[in-house]
C-alpha atoms as a PDB file:
ATOM      1  CA  UNK A   1      41.508 -48.402  29.834  1.00  0.00           C
ATOM      2  CA  UNK A   2      37.777 -47.814  29.518  1.00  0.00           C
ATOM      3  CA  UNK A   3      35.752 -46.817  26.475  1.00  0.00           C
ATOM      4  CA  UNK A   4      34.948 -43.191  27.385  1.00  0.00           C
ATOM      5  CA  UNK A   5      35.656 -40.610  24.698  1.00  0.00           C
ATOM      6  CA  UNK A   6      35.608 -36.803  24.835  1.00  0.00           C
ATOM      7  CA  UNK A   7      34.021 -35.054  21.864  1.00  0.00           C
ATOM      8  CA  UNK A   8      34.646 -31.317  21.654  1.00  0.00           C
ATOM      9  CA  UNK A   9      32.632 -29.070  19.360  1.00  0.00           C
ATOM     10  CA  UNK A  10      34.022 -25.568  18.805  1.00  0.00           C
ATOM     11  CA  UNK A  11      31.712 -22.864  17.480  1.00  0.00           C
ATOM     12  CA  UNK A  12      31.055 -19.141  17.818  1.00  0.00           C
ATOM     13  CA  UNK A  13      28.934 -17.677  20.599  1.00  0.00           C
ATOM     14  CA  UNK A  14      26.624 -16.144  17.985  1.00  0.00           C
ATOM     15  CA  UNK A  15      26.114 -19.293  15.884  1.00  0.00           C
ATOM     16  CA  UNK A  16      22.544 -20.549  15.628  1.00  0.00           C
ATOM     17  CA  UNK A  17      21.149 -23.889  14.422  1.00  0.00           C
ATOM     18  CA  UNK A  18      19.875 -23.934  10.843  1.00  0.00           C
ATOM     19  CA  UNK A  19      16.299 -22.683  10.506  1.00  0.00           C
ATOM     20  CA  UNK A  20      13.762 -22.460   7.698  1.00  0.00           C
ATOM     21  CA  UNK A  21      12.317 -18.997   8.243  1.00  0.00           C
ATOM     22  CA  UNK A  22      13.460 -15.545   9.325  1.00  0.00           C
ATOM     23  CA  UNK A  23      11.298 -15.722  12.469  1.00  0.00           C
ATOM     24  CA  UNK A  24      12.711 -19.101  13.503  1.00  0.00           C
ATOM     25  CA  UNK A  25      16.217 -17.698  13.075  1.00  0.00           C
ATOM     26  CA  UNK A  26      15.324 -14.649  15.148  1.00  0.00           C
ATOM     27  CA  UNK A  27      14.304 -16.718  18.187  1.00  0.00           C
ATOM     28  CA  UNK A  28      16.692 -19.677  17.721  1.00  0.00           C
ATOM     29  CA  UNK A  29      18.853 -20.484  20.761  1.00  0.00           C
ATOM     30  CA  UNK A  30      22.641 -20.343  20.558  1.00  0.00           C
ATOM     31  CA  UNK A  31      24.021 -23.398  18.732  1.00  0.00           C
ATOM     32  CA  UNK A  32      25.925 -24.686  21.789  1.00  0.00           C
ATOM     33  CA  UNK A  33      22.764 -24.571  23.937  1.00  0.00           C
ATOM     34  CA  UNK A  34      20.699 -26.187  21.180  1.00  0.00           C
ATOM     35  CA  UNK A  35      23.214 -29.041  20.809  1.00  0.00           C
ATOM     36  CA  UNK A  36      23.461 -29.474  24.598  1.00  0.00           C
ATOM     37  CA  UNK A  37      19.688 -30.031  24.858  1.00  0.00           C
ATOM     38  CA  UNK A  38      19.801 -32.421  21.884  1.00  0.00           C
ATOM     39  CA  UNK A  39      22.687 -34.342  23.499  1.00  0.00           C
ATOM     40  CA  UNK A  40      20.680 -34.679  26.723  1.00  0.00           C
ATOM     41  CA  UNK A  41      17.687 -36.011  24.776  1.00  0.00           C
ATOM     42  CA  UNK A  42      20.005 -38.341  22.814  1.00  0.00           C
ATOM     43  CA  UNK A  43      21.156 -39.852  26.121  1.00  0.00           C
ATOM     44  CA  UNK A  44      24.749 -38.608  26.124  1.00  0.00           C
ATOM     45  CA  UNK A  45      26.339 -39.315  29.528  1.00  0.00           C
ATOM     46  CA  UNK A  46      27.836 -35.859  30.196  1.00  0.00           C
ATOM     47  CA  UNK A  47      27.588 -32.476  28.463  1.00  0.00           C
ATOM     48  CA  UNK A  48      29.293 -29.194  29.374  1.00  0.00           C
ATOM     49  CA  UNK A  49      29.297 -25.850  27.548  1.00  0.00           C
ATOM     50  CA  UNK A  50      32.538 -24.023  28.286  1.00  0.00           C
ATOM     51  CA  UNK A  51      32.213 -20.251  28.205  1.00  0.00           C
ATOM     52  CA  UNK A  52      35.397 -18.632  26.925  1.00  0.00           C
ATOM     53  CA  UNK A  53      36.669 -15.288  28.205  1.00  0.00           C
ATOM     54  CA  UNK A  54      39.383 -14.813  25.537  1.00  0.00           C
ATOM     55  CA  UNK A  55      40.118 -16.812  22.398  1.00  0.00           C
ATOM     56  CA  UNK A  56      39.796 -17.284  18.675  1.00  0.00           C
ATOM     57  CA  UNK A  57      38.958 -20.003  16.215  1.00  0.00           C
ATOM     58  CA  UNK A  58      41.267 -20.923  13.348  1.00  0.00           C
ATOM     59  CA  UNK A  59      42.046 -18.007  11.050  1.00  0.00           C
ATOM     60  CA  UNK A  60      40.223 -15.354  13.079  1.00  0.00           C
ATOM     61  CA  UNK A  61      41.250 -12.468  15.296  1.00  0.00           C
ATOM     62  CA  UNK A  62      41.428 -12.655  19.073  1.00  0.00           C
ATOM     63  CA  UNK A  63      38.039 -12.067  20.731  1.00  0.00           C
ATOM     64  CA  UNK A  64      37.404 -10.817  24.281  1.00  0.00           C
ATOM     65  CA  UNK A  65      34.273 -11.412  26.334  1.00  0.00           C
ATOM     66  CA  UNK A  66      33.268  -8.094  27.885  1.00  0.00           C
ATOM     67  CA  UNK A  67      30.816  -7.643  30.778  1.00  0.00           C
ATOM     68  CA  UNK A  68      28.505  -5.488  28.632  1.00  0.00           C
ATOM     69  CA  UNK A  69      28.798  -7.394  25.367  1.00  0.00           C
ATOM     70  CA  UNK A  70      29.757 -10.867  24.127  1.00  0.00           C
ATOM     71  CA  UNK A  71      31.014 -10.667  20.544  1.00  0.00           C
ATOM     72  CA  UNK A  72      29.356 -12.847  17.905  1.00  0.00           C
ATOM     73  CA  UNK A  73      32.723 -14.462  17.037  1.00  0.00           C
ATOM     74  CA  UNK A  74      33.653 -15.358  20.647  1.00  0.00           C
ATOM     75  CA  UNK A  75      34.507 -19.092  20.714  1.00  0.00           C
ATOM     76  CA  UNK A  76      32.569 -21.639  22.744  1.00  0.00           C
ATOM     77  CA  UNK A  77      33.321 -25.290  23.405  1.00  0.00           C
ATOM     78  CA  UNK A  78      30.639 -27.919  23.834  1.00  0.00           C
ATOM     79  CA  UNK A  79      32.143 -31.007  25.481  1.00  0.00           C
ATOM     80  CA  UNK A  80      30.394 -34.376  25.360  1.00  0.00           C
ATOM     81  CA  UNK A  81      31.595 -37.514  27.159  1.00  0.00           C
ATOM     82  CA  UNK A  82      30.305 -40.994  26.401  1.00  0.00           C
ATOM     83  CA  UNK A  83      31.174 -44.147  24.472  1.00  0.00           C
ATOM     84  CA  UNK A  84      32.575 -43.631  20.984  1.00  0.00           C
ATOM     85  CA  UNK A  85      29.707 -45.375  19.198  1.00  0.00           C
ATOM     86  CA  UNK A  86      27.157 -43.180  20.954  1.00  0.00           C
ATOM     87  CA  UNK A  87      29.067 -39.973  20.177  1.00  0.00           C
ATOM     88  CA  UNK A  88      29.458 -40.981  16.528  1.00  0.00           C
ATOM     89  CA  UNK A  89      25.724 -41.661  16.419  1.00  0.00           C
ATOM     90  CA  UNK A  90      25.093 -38.157  17.766  1.00  0.00           C
ATOM     91  CA  UNK A  91      27.410 -36.684  15.103  1.00  0.00           C
ATOM     92  CA  UNK A  92      25.623 -38.629  12.354  1.00  0.00           C
ATOM     93  CA  UNK A  93      22.201 -37.528  13.607  1.00  0.00           C
ATOM     94  CA  UNK A  94      23.107 -33.816  13.849  1.00  0.00           C
ATOM     95  CA  UNK A  95      25.506 -33.522  10.904  1.00  0.00           C
ATOM     96  CA  UNK A  96      23.486 -30.711   9.300  1.00  0.00           C
ATOM     97  CA  UNK A  97      23.650 -28.601  12.471  1.00  0.00           C
ATOM     98  CA  UNK A  98      27.419 -29.108  12.682  1.00  0.00           C
ATOM     99  CA  UNK A  99      28.340 -27.371   9.421  1.00  0.00           C
ATOM    100  CA  UNK A 100      31.178 -24.973  10.204  1.00  0.00           C
ATOM    101  CA  UNK A 101      31.767 -26.471  13.665  1.00  0.00           C
ATOM    102  CA  UNK A 102      35.241 -27.770  14.477  1.00  0.00           C
ATOM    103  CA  UNK A 103      34.911 -31.321  15.836  1.00  0.00           C
ATOM    104  CA  UNK A 104      37.690 -32.909  17.914  1.00  0.00           C
ATOM    105  CA  UNK A 105      37.556 -36.462  19.297  1.00  0.00           C
ATOM    106  CA  UNK A 106      39.865 -37.204  22.259  1.00  0.00           C
ATOM    107  CA  UNK A 107      40.489 -40.669  23.572  1.00  0.00           C
ATOM    108  CA  UNK A 108      41.049 -40.726  27.291  1.00  0.00           C
ATOM    109  CA  UNK A 109      41.182 -42.804  30.378  1.00  0.00           C
ATOM    110  CA  UNK A 110      39.073 -42.371  33.479  1.00  0.00           C
ATOM    111  CA  UNK A 111      41.583 -42.462  36.319  1.00  0.00           C
ATOM    112  CA  UNK A 112      39.204 -42.661  39.271  1.00  0.00           C
ATOM    113  CA  UNK A 113      35.871 -44.513  39.381  1.00  0.00           C
END
């Protein structure tokens, strides 16, 4: 078995990273996109943002992605793959941005090189 780990971050489509001013909040990118760019800069091996067509997060109602409109509460999944120590370092560095995000760590095995 190798040391690759899958880290999944579940958030809403409409979530934004924390900002200091109203204007920063107005132009802030979606949280999943923000974290994906930070993961790239952090040197994470692989990052994917999964767009969800139907789903819900714990305790919420079912949300549907419509062609004309994506609801604020529509779930998204940001998936990061790397070594556990590197992923934990990323979590420690961006802990403030991850408030309210569901974080799941999956141990796996790469079957093919």
